[in-house]
Amino acid sequence: MICPLILGATSWGQSQTLEVINKIPHSGYSEGLDFHEGFLWNALPNRIVKINPKDGSVVESYAPATEYSESIKWVSGKLWNLSFKSKGLYQGKLRNNQLTFEKIEEVPEDCSWGIEKVGRELVMTGNFSNKLYFYDPENRKWTKTLVTDAVDLEDLAWDGKRLWTSSFSTHRGTIFSVDLQTGKVQSFWELPQKEECPIVDGIAFDGKSLWVTGKECSSIYQVKLPIPRAITSKQNLAK
């Protein structure tokens, strides 16, 4: 997102270190990441790229739904795409090596930054927001809004039990999970050299491990799925 940096210390409890399995070269920018049929898919502002997870090479490049693309998610052979330039939620079909999008819905805020599928619903972040929005794509209706302990929520990844995300402005270089019943932040994890990826904005789950990347980040990291622990600090993120 093109927006001012919000700096300042917050106390969310001590972070644990992610265990890196592998890392591959990256363009150095990201608006979202997904893993689909053996490939990584990376949302950039003006394109969506398909990446070979073995070496980081770009296999294909596609035009996004709008001139400034946000996060992406493959669901049942269709690619959902958010936009930073509009309130739109778009669904794309890949035909003859081209993605063709249609606008399905408008998101609750000015735009959304992250999207993931949890059960039968799509879950989306907002714009500089501490909220998660749940959408039923079959019936095309918003079903729930969850207020979380975090702010400026970025890309999302569901591992089957936990929803992982990061913040654009706070606890930089770190990913954390959010309890989908309470909105409470559960655990914090950082890369061994988190200065190499100062703004995490790209998390994907491949069925076994997580993939992490972001802005000003020259690599995509494959990391072991963290085992969360309870936060010991009594302080929550300041709203």
C-alpha atoms as a PDB file:
ATOM      1  CA  MET A   1       0.000   0.000   0.000  1.00  0.00           C
ATOM      2  CA  ILE A   2       1.218   3.501  -0.770  1.00  0.00           C
ATOM      3  CA  CYS A   3       0.756   5.188   2.560  1.00  0.00           C
ATOM      4  CA  PRO A   4       2.650   6.957   5.347  1.00  0.00           C
ATOM      5  CA  LEU A   5       4.730   4.897   7.747  1.00  0.00           C
ATOM      6  CA  ILE A   6       3.408   4.707  11.275  1.00  0.00           C
ATOM      7  CA  LEU A   7       6.300   4.064  13.593  1.00  0.00           C
ATOM      8  CA  GLY A   8       6.366   3.469  17.309  1.00  0.00           C
ATOM      9  CA  ALA A   9       6.825   0.669  19.775  1.00  0.00           C
ATOM     10  CA  THR A  10       4.024  -1.594  20.868  1.00  0.00           C
ATOM     11  CA  SER A  11       4.146  -4.542  23.239  1.00  0.00           C
ATOM     12  CA  TRP A  12       2.586  -7.707  21.873  1.00  0.00           C
ATOM     13  CA  GLY A  13       4.766 -10.170  23.718  1.00  0.00           C
ATOM     14  CA  GLN A  14       8.081 -11.623  22.644  1.00  0.00           C
ATOM     15  CA  SER A  15       8.404 -13.071  19.144  1.00  0.00           C
ATOM     16  CA  GLN A  16       9.774 -16.499  18.330  1.00  0.00           C
ATOM     17  CA  THR A  17      11.998 -17.193  15.343  1.00  0.00           C
ATOM     18  CA  LEU A  18      10.682 -18.901  12.204  1.00  0.00           C
ATOM     19  CA  GLU A  19      12.642 -21.882  10.916  1.00  0.00           C
ATOM     20  CA  VAL A  20      13.574 -21.292   7.281  1.00  0.00           C
ATOM     21  CA  ILE A  21      13.415 -24.322   4.989  1.00  0.00           C
ATOM     22  CA  ASN A  22      14.401 -22.512   1.807  1.00  0.00           C
ATOM     23  CA  LYS A  23      14.489 -19.062   0.263  1.00  0.00           C
ATOM     24  CA  ILE A  24      14.256 -18.003  -3.365  1.00  0.00           C
ATOM     25  CA  PRO A  25      14.883 -14.676  -5.144  1.00  0.00           C
ATOM     26  CA  HIS A  26      12.065 -12.149  -5.189  1.00  0.00           C
ATOM     27  CA  SER A  27      11.327  -8.907  -7.009  1.00  0.00           C
ATOM     28  CA  GLY A  28      11.490  -6.929  -3.777  1.00  0.00           C
ATOM     29  CA  TYR A  29       7.831  -5.918  -3.660  1.00  0.00           C
ATOM     30  CA  SER A  30       4.562  -7.624  -2.819  1.00  0.00           C
ATOM     31  CA  GLU A  31       0.877  -6.959  -2.247  1.00  0.00           C
ATOM     32  CA  GLY A  32      -0.041 -10.575  -1.573  1.00  0.00           C
ATOM     33  CA  LEU A  33       0.949 -14.202  -2.057  1.00  0.00           C
ATOM     34  CA  ASP A  34      -0.878 -17.465  -2.777  1.00  0.00           C
ATOM     35  CA  PHE A  35       0.145 -21.076  -3.455  1.00  0.00           C
ATOM     36  CA  HIS A  36      -1.832 -22.898  -6.138  1.00  0.00           C
ATOM     37  CA  GLU A  37      -1.196 -26.192  -7.949  1.00  0.00           C
ATOM     38  CA  GLY A  38       2.511 -26.255  -7.163  1.00  0.00           C
ATOM     39  CA  PHE A  39       3.265 -22.601  -7.943  1.00  0.00           C
ATOM     40  CA  LEU A  40       3.473 -19.354  -6.019  1.00  0.00           C
ATOM     41  CA  TRP A  41       1.301 -16.480  -7.217  1.00  0.00           C
ATOM     42  CA  ASN A  42       2.438 -12.982  -6.277  1.00  0.00           C
ATOM     43  CA  ALA A  43       0.290  -9.844  -6.511  1.00  0.00           C
ATOM     44  CA  LEU A  44       2.215  -6.757  -7.580  1.00  0.00           C
ATOM     45  CA  PRO A  45       0.607  -3.340  -8.139  1.00  0.00           C
ATOM     46  CA  ASN A  46       0.405  -3.663 -11.934  1.00  0.00           C
ATOM     47  CA  ARG A  47       0.669  -7.393 -12.539  1.00  0.00           C
ATOM     48  CA  ILE A  48       0.134 -10.846 -11.109  1.00  0.00           C
ATOM     49  CA  VAL A  49       3.037 -13.252 -11.528  1.00  0.00           C
ATOM     50  CA  LYS A  50       3.243 -17.031 -11.391  1.00  0.00           C
ATOM     51  CA  ILE A  51       6.502 -18.128  -9.735  1.00  0.00           C
ATOM     52  CA  ASN A  52       8.419 -21.392  -9.711  1.00  0.00           C
ATOM     53  CA  PRO A  53       8.920 -22.144  -5.985  1.00  0.00           C
ATOM     54  CA  LYS A  54      12.128 -24.059  -6.698  1.00  0.00           C
ATOM     55  CA  ASP A  55      14.166 -21.132  -8.011  1.00  0.00           C
ATOM     56  CA  GLY A  56      12.019 -17.990  -7.920  1.00  0.00           C
ATOM     57  CA  SER A  57      11.783 -17.668 -11.697  1.00  0.00           C
ATOM     58  CA  VAL A  58       8.684 -15.992 -13.119  1.00  0.00           C
ATOM     59  CA  VAL A  59       6.776 -18.504 -15.242  1.00  0.00           C
ATOM     60  CA  GLU A  60       3.950 -16.222 -16.405  1.00  0.00           C
ATOM     61  CA  SER A  61       2.782 -12.646 -15.912  1.00  0.00           C
ATOM     62  CA  TYR A  62      -0.838 -11.451 -16.079  1.00  0.00           C
ATOM     63  CA  ALA A  63      -2.724  -8.155 -15.955  1.00  0.00           C
ATOM     64  CA  PRO A  64      -4.673  -7.727 -12.682  1.00  0.00           C
ATOM     65  CA  ALA A  65      -8.312  -6.675 -12.320  1.00  0.00           C
ATOM     66  CA  THR A  66      -7.457  -2.963 -11.972  1.00  0.00           C
ATOM     67  CA  GLU A  67      -4.465  -0.657 -12.320  1.00  0.00           C
ATOM     68  CA  TYR A  68      -3.367  -1.297  -8.716  1.00  0.00           C
ATOM     69  CA  SER A  69      -3.678  -4.885  -7.565  1.00  0.00           C
ATOM     70  CA  GLU A  70      -3.869  -6.054  -3.981  1.00  0.00           C
ATOM     71  CA  SER A  71      -4.027  -9.585  -2.597  1.00  0.00           C
ATOM     72  CA  ILE A  72      -5.110 -12.682  -4.546  1.00  0.00           C
ATOM     73  CA  LYS A  73      -6.625 -16.088  -3.765  1.00  0.00           C
ATOM     74  CA  TRP A  74      -7.350 -19.120  -5.939  1.00  0.00           C
ATOM     75  CA  VAL A  75     -10.659 -20.827  -5.110  1.00  0.00           C
ATOM     76  CA  SER A  76     -12.163 -23.647  -7.177  1.00  0.00           C
ATOM     77  CA  GLY A  77     -10.224 -22.727 -10.299  1.00  0.00           C
ATOM     78  CA  LYS A  78     -10.984 -18.994 -10.105  1.00  0.00           C
ATOM     79  CA  LEU A  79      -8.690 -16.210  -8.943  1.00  0.00           C
ATOM     80  CA  TRP A  80     -10.089 -13.606  -6.557  1.00  0.00           C
ATOM     81  CA  ASN A  81      -8.348 -10.231  -6.710  1.00  0.00           C
ATOM     82  CA  LEU A  82      -8.640  -7.105  -4.575  1.00  0.00           C
ATOM     83  CA  SER A  83      -7.898  -3.571  -5.738  1.00  0.00           C
ATOM     84  CA  PHE A  84      -6.267  -0.609  -4.006  1.00  0.00           C
ATOM     85  CA  LYS A  85      -7.874   1.704  -6.567  1.00  0.00           C
ATOM     86  CA  SER A  86     -11.478   0.723  -5.972  1.00  0.00           C
ATOM     87  CA  LYS A  87     -13.840  -0.946  -3.515  1.00  0.00           C
ATOM     88  CA  GLY A  88     -14.093  -3.876  -5.874  1.00  0.00           C
ATOM     89  CA  LEU A  89     -13.839  -7.583  -5.187  1.00  0.00           C
ATOM     90  CA  TYR A  90     -13.050  -9.297  -8.488  1.00  0.00           C
ATOM     91  CA  GLN A  91     -13.135 -12.889  -9.733  1.00  0.00           C
ATOM     92  CA  GLY A  92     -10.905 -13.982 -12.591  1.00  0.00           C
ATOM     93  CA  LYS A  93     -10.895 -16.906 -15.004  1.00  0.00           C
ATOM     94  CA  LEU A  94      -7.758 -18.136 -16.745  1.00  0.00           C
ATOM     95  CA  ARG A  95      -8.439 -18.890 -20.411  1.00  0.00           C
ATOM     96  CA  ASN A  96      -5.990 -19.088 -23.304  1.00  0.00           C
ATOM     97  CA  ASN A  97      -3.248 -17.943 -20.949  1.00  0.00           C
ATOM     98  CA  GLN A  98      -5.140 -14.744 -20.067  1.00  0.00           C
ATOM     99  CA  LEU A  99      -6.927 -13.720 -16.895  1.00  0.00           C
ATOM    100  CA  THR A 100     -10.346 -12.155 -17.422  1.00  0.00           C
ATOM    101  CA  PHE A 101     -11.947 -10.503 -14.398  1.00  0.00           C
ATOM    102  CA  GLU A 102     -15.452  -9.473 -13.442  1.00  0.00           C
ATOM    103  CA  LYS A 103     -16.487  -7.378 -10.466  1.00  0.00           C
ATOM    104  CA  ILE A 104     -18.473  -9.486  -8.026  1.00  0.00           C
ATOM    105  CA  GLU A 105     -18.967  -7.214  -5.032  1.00  0.00           C
ATOM    106  CA  GLU A 106     -17.894  -4.031  -3.272  1.00  0.00           C
ATOM    107  CA  VAL A 107     -15.849  -4.408  -0.093  1.00  0.00           C
ATOM    108  CA  PRO A 108     -17.011  -2.736   3.154  1.00  0.00           C
ATOM    109  CA  GLU A 109     -14.126  -0.234   3.361  1.00  0.00           C
ATOM    110  CA  ASP A 110     -12.456   1.963   0.723  1.00  0.00           C
ATOM    111  CA  CYS A 111     -10.466  -1.123  -0.308  1.00  0.00           C
ATOM    112  CA  SER A 112      -9.142  -4.383   1.106  1.00  0.00           C
ATOM    113  CA  TRP A 113      -5.518  -5.469   1.441  1.00  0.00           C
ATOM    114  CA  GLY A 114      -5.707  -9.219   2.092  1.00  0.00           C
ATOM    115  CA  ILE A 115      -7.921 -12.164   1.165  1.00  0.00           C
ATOM    116  CA  GLU A 116      -8.089 -15.840   2.151  1.00  0.00           C
ATOM    117  CA  LYS A 117     -10.584 -18.713   2.120  1.00  0.00           C
ATOM    118  CA  VAL A 118     -11.671 -20.166   5.453  1.00  0.00           C
ATOM    119  CA  GLY A 119     -14.220 -22.940   5.167  1.00  0.00           C
ATOM    120  CA  ARG A 120     -16.867 -21.827   2.690  1.00  0.00           C
ATOM    121  CA  GLU A 121     -16.199 -18.133   3.195  1.00  0.00           C
ATOM    122  CA  LEU A 122     -13.705 -15.583   1.978  1.00  0.00           C
ATOM    123  CA  VAL A 123     -12.055 -13.501   4.692  1.00  0.00           C
ATOM    124  CA  MET A 124     -10.757 -10.025   3.872  1.00  0.00           C
ATOM    125  CA  THR A 125      -8.938  -7.235   5.646  1.00  0.00           C
ATOM    126  CA  GLY A 126      -9.837  -3.563   5.291  1.00  0.00           C
ATOM    127  CA  ASN A 127      -7.923  -0.370   4.532  1.00  0.00           C
ATOM    128  CA  PHE A 128      -5.590   0.683   7.418  1.00  0.00           C
ATOM    129  CA  SER A 129      -7.943  -1.500   9.415  1.00  0.00           C
ATOM    130  CA  ASN A 130      -8.159  -3.738  12.483  1.00  0.00           C
ATOM    131  CA  LYS A 131     -11.166  -5.600  11.075  1.00  0.00           C
ATOM    132  CA  LEU A 132     -11.716  -8.869   9.235  1.00  0.00           C
ATOM    133  CA  TYR A 133     -14.730  -9.202   6.939  1.00  0.00           C
ATOM    134  CA  PHE A 134     -16.349 -12.541   6.086  1.00  0.00           C
ATOM    135  CA  TYR A 135     -18.028 -13.059   2.721  1.00  0.00           C
ATOM    136  CA  ASP A 136     -20.156 -15.928   1.435  1.00  0.00           C
ATOM    137  CA  PRO A 137     -19.314 -16.182  -2.299  1.00  0.00           C
ATOM    138  CA  GLU A 138     -22.071 -18.700  -3.034  1.00  0.00           C
ATOM    139  CA  ASN A 139     -24.856 -16.450  -1.740  1.00  0.00           C
ATOM    140  CA  ARG A 140     -22.922 -13.238  -2.406  1.00  0.00           C
ATOM    141  CA  LYS A 141     -23.398 -11.655   0.997  1.00  0.00           C
ATOM    142  CA  TRP A 142     -21.280 -10.372   3.876  1.00  0.00           C
ATOM    143  CA  THR A 143     -21.834 -12.522   6.945  1.00  0.00           C
ATOM    144  CA  LYS A 144     -19.668 -11.184   9.780  1.00  0.00           C
ATOM    145  CA  THR A 145     -17.218  -8.484  10.847  1.00  0.00           C
ATOM    146  CA  LEU A 146     -14.521  -9.349  13.384  1.00  0.00           C
ATOM    147  CA  VAL A 147     -12.595  -6.658  15.264  1.00  0.00           C
ATOM    148  CA  THR A 148      -9.036  -7.772  16.027  1.00  0.00           C
ATOM    149  CA  ASP A 149      -6.286  -6.672  18.413  1.00  0.00           C
ATOM    150  CA  ALA A 150      -4.058  -5.658  15.484  1.00  0.00           C
ATOM    151  CA  VAL A 151      -4.059  -2.719  13.077  1.00  0.00           C
ATOM    152  CA  ASP A 152      -3.242  -2.245   9.385  1.00  0.00           C
ATOM    153  CA  LEU A 153      -3.734  -5.943   8.633  1.00  0.00           C
ATOM    154  CA  GLU A 154      -2.041  -7.128   5.439  1.00  0.00           C
ATOM    155  CA  ASP A 155      -2.160 -10.401   3.468  1.00  0.00           C
ATOM    156  CA  LEU A 156      -3.785 -13.527   4.976  1.00  0.00           C
ATOM    157  CA  ALA A 157      -3.040 -17.265   5.028  1.00  0.00           C
ATOM    158  CA  TRP A 158      -5.169 -20.043   6.546  1.00  0.00           C
ATOM    159  CA  ASP A 159      -3.332 -23.239   7.576  1.00  0.00           C
ATOM    160  CA  GLY A 160      -6.479 -25.188   8.431  1.00  0.00           C
ATOM    161  CA  LYS A 161      -6.413 -24.139  12.084  1.00  0.00           C
ATOM    162  CA  ARG A 162      -5.005 -20.612  12.271  1.00  0.00           C
ATOM    163  CA  LEU A 163      -5.266 -17.437  10.258  1.00  0.00           C
ATOM    164  CA  TRP A 164      -1.862 -15.822   9.736  1.00  0.00           C
ATOM    165  CA  THR A 165      -1.303 -12.183   8.859  1.00  0.00           C
ATOM    166  CA  SER A 166       1.029  -9.227   9.428  1.00  0.00           C
ATOM    167  CA  SER A 167       0.756  -5.486  10.036  1.00  0.00           C
ATOM    168  CA  PHE A 168       1.912  -2.744   7.696  1.00  0.00           C
ATOM    169  CA  SER A 169       2.834  -0.413  10.550  1.00  0.00           C
ATOM    170  CA  THR A 170       3.529  -2.344  13.736  1.00  0.00           C
ATOM    171  CA  HIS A 171       5.646  -5.305  14.830  1.00  0.00           C
ATOM    172  CA  ARG A 172       7.476  -5.136  11.516  1.00  0.00           C
ATOM    173  CA  GLY A 173       9.100  -8.181   9.967  1.00  0.00           C
ATOM    174  CA  THR A 174       6.756 -10.413  11.950  1.00  0.00           C
ATOM    175  CA  ILE A 175       3.782 -12.646  11.230  1.00  0.00           C
ATOM    176  CA  PHE A 176       1.114 -13.517  13.770  1.00  0.00           C
ATOM    177  CA  SER A 177      -2.047 -15.579  14.054  1.00  0.00           C
ATOM    178  CA  VAL A 178      -5.507 -14.286  14.947  1.00  0.00           C
ATOM    179  CA  ASP A 179      -8.221 -16.168  16.816  1.00  0.00           C
ATOM    180  CA  LEU A 180     -11.237 -16.143  14.493  1.00  0.00           C
ATOM    181  CA  GLN A 181     -13.665 -16.385  17.412  1.00  0.00           C
ATOM    182  CA  THR A 182     -12.334 -13.520  19.534  1.00  0.00           C
ATOM    183  CA  GLY A 183     -10.095 -11.461  17.247  1.00  0.00           C
ATOM    184  CA  LYS A 184      -7.247 -11.820  19.742  1.00  0.00           C
ATOM    185  CA  VAL A 185      -3.696 -12.014  18.456  1.00  0.00           C
ATOM    186  CA  GLN A 186      -2.221 -15.368  19.494  1.00  0.00           C
ATOM    187  CA  SER A 187       1.475 -15.627  18.664  1.00  0.00           C
ATOM    188  CA  PHE A 188       4.272 -13.733  16.929  1.00  0.00           C
ATOM    189  CA  TRP A 189       7.016 -15.093  14.722  1.00  0.00           C
ATOM    190  CA  GLU A 190       9.853 -13.360  12.903  1.00  0.00           C
ATOM    191  CA  LEU A 191      12.410 -14.305  10.276  1.00  0.00           C
ATOM    192  CA  PRO A 192      15.956 -14.993  11.523  1.00  0.00           C
ATOM    193  CA  GLN A 193      17.090 -11.745   9.848  1.00  0.00           C
ATOM    194  CA  LYS A 194      13.864  -9.781   9.864  1.00  0.00           C
ATOM    195  CA  GLU A 195      15.632  -6.672   8.567  1.00  0.00           C
ATOM    196  CA  GLU A 196      15.880  -8.528   5.227  1.00  0.00           C
ATOM    197  CA  CYS A 197      12.080  -8.353   4.958  1.00  0.00           C
ATOM    198  CA  PRO A 198      11.026  -5.268   6.955  1.00  0.00           C
ATOM    199  CA  ILE A 199       7.401  -5.115   5.730  1.00  0.00           C
ATOM    200  CA  VAL A 200       5.790  -8.536   5.464  1.00  0.00           C
ATOM    201  CA  ASP A 201       2.993  -8.401   2.880  1.00  0.00           C
ATOM    202  CA  GLY A 202       2.677 -11.879   1.448  1.00  0.00           C
ATOM    203  CA  ILE A 203       1.865 -15.111   3.308  1.00  0.00           C
ATOM    204  CA  ALA A 204       0.780 -18.378   1.702  1.00  0.00           C
ATOM    205  CA  PHE A 205       0.228 -21.951   2.910  1.00  0.00           C
ATOM    206  CA  ASP A 206       1.178 -24.857   0.637  1.00  0.00           C
ATOM    207  CA  GLY A 207      -0.420 -27.609   2.729  1.00  0.00           C
ATOM    208  CA  LYS A 208       2.638 -28.168   4.925  1.00  0.00           C
ATOM    209  CA  SER A 209       4.667 -24.971   5.223  1.00  0.00           C
ATOM    210  CA  LEU A 210       4.243 -21.204   4.991  1.00  0.00           C
ATOM    211  CA  TRP A 211       5.769 -18.896   2.379  1.00  0.00           C
ATOM    212  CA  VAL A 212       6.578 -15.352   3.483  1.00  0.00           C
ATOM    213  CA  THR A 213       7.671 -12.251   1.557  1.00  0.00           C
ATOM    214  CA  GLY A 214       6.973  -8.527   1.433  1.00  0.00           C
ATOM    215  CA  LYS A 215       7.995  -5.024   0.496  1.00  0.00           C
ATOM    216  CA  GLU A 216      11.716  -4.216   0.386  1.00  0.00           C
ATOM    217  CA  CYS A 217      12.198  -7.980   0.522  1.00  0.00           C
ATOM    218  CA  SER A 218      14.620  -9.596  -1.929  1.00  0.00           C
ATOM    219  CA  SER A 219      13.566 -13.163  -1.073  1.00  0.00           C
ATOM    220  CA  ILE A 220      10.536 -15.368  -0.627  1.00  0.00           C
ATOM    221  CA  TYR A 221      11.019 -17.579   2.440  1.00  0.00           C
ATOM    222  CA  GLN A 222       9.629 -21.060   2.897  1.00  0.00           C
ATOM    223  CA  VAL A 223       9.300 -21.644   6.644  1.00  0.00           C
ATOM    224  CA  LYS A 224       8.124 -24.460   8.869  1.00  0.00           C
ATOM    225  CA  LEU A 225       4.576 -24.043  10.088  1.00  0.00           C
ATOM    226  CA  PRO A 226       4.898 -22.450  13.546  1.00  0.00           C
ATOM    227  CA  ILE A 227       3.455 -24.041  16.639  1.00  0.00           C
ATOM    228  CA  PRO A 228       1.764 -21.117  18.374  1.00  0.00           C
ATOM    229  CA  ARG A 229       2.189 -20.236  22.012  1.00  0.00           C
ATOM    230  CA  ALA A 230       0.203 -17.977  24.290  1.00  0.00           C
ATOM    231  CA  ILE A 231       1.197 -14.328  24.578  1.00  0.00           C
ATOM    232  CA  THR A 232       2.558 -13.585  28.029  1.00  0.00           C
ATOM    233  CA  SER A 233       2.377  -9.788  27.826  1.00  0.00           C
ATOM    234  CA  LYS A 234      -0.778  -8.263  29.276  1.00  0.00           C
ATOM    235  CA  GLN A 235      -0.502  -5.305  26.975  1.00  0.00           C
ATOM    236  CA  ASN A 236      -2.422  -5.243  23.720  1.00  0.00           C
ATOM    237  CA  LEU A 237      -1.716  -3.275  20.613  1.00  0.00           C
ATOM    238  CA  ALA A 238      -2.805   0.338  21.040  1.00  0.00           C
ATOM    239  CA  LYS A 239      -5.704   1.268  18.810  1.00  0.00           C
END
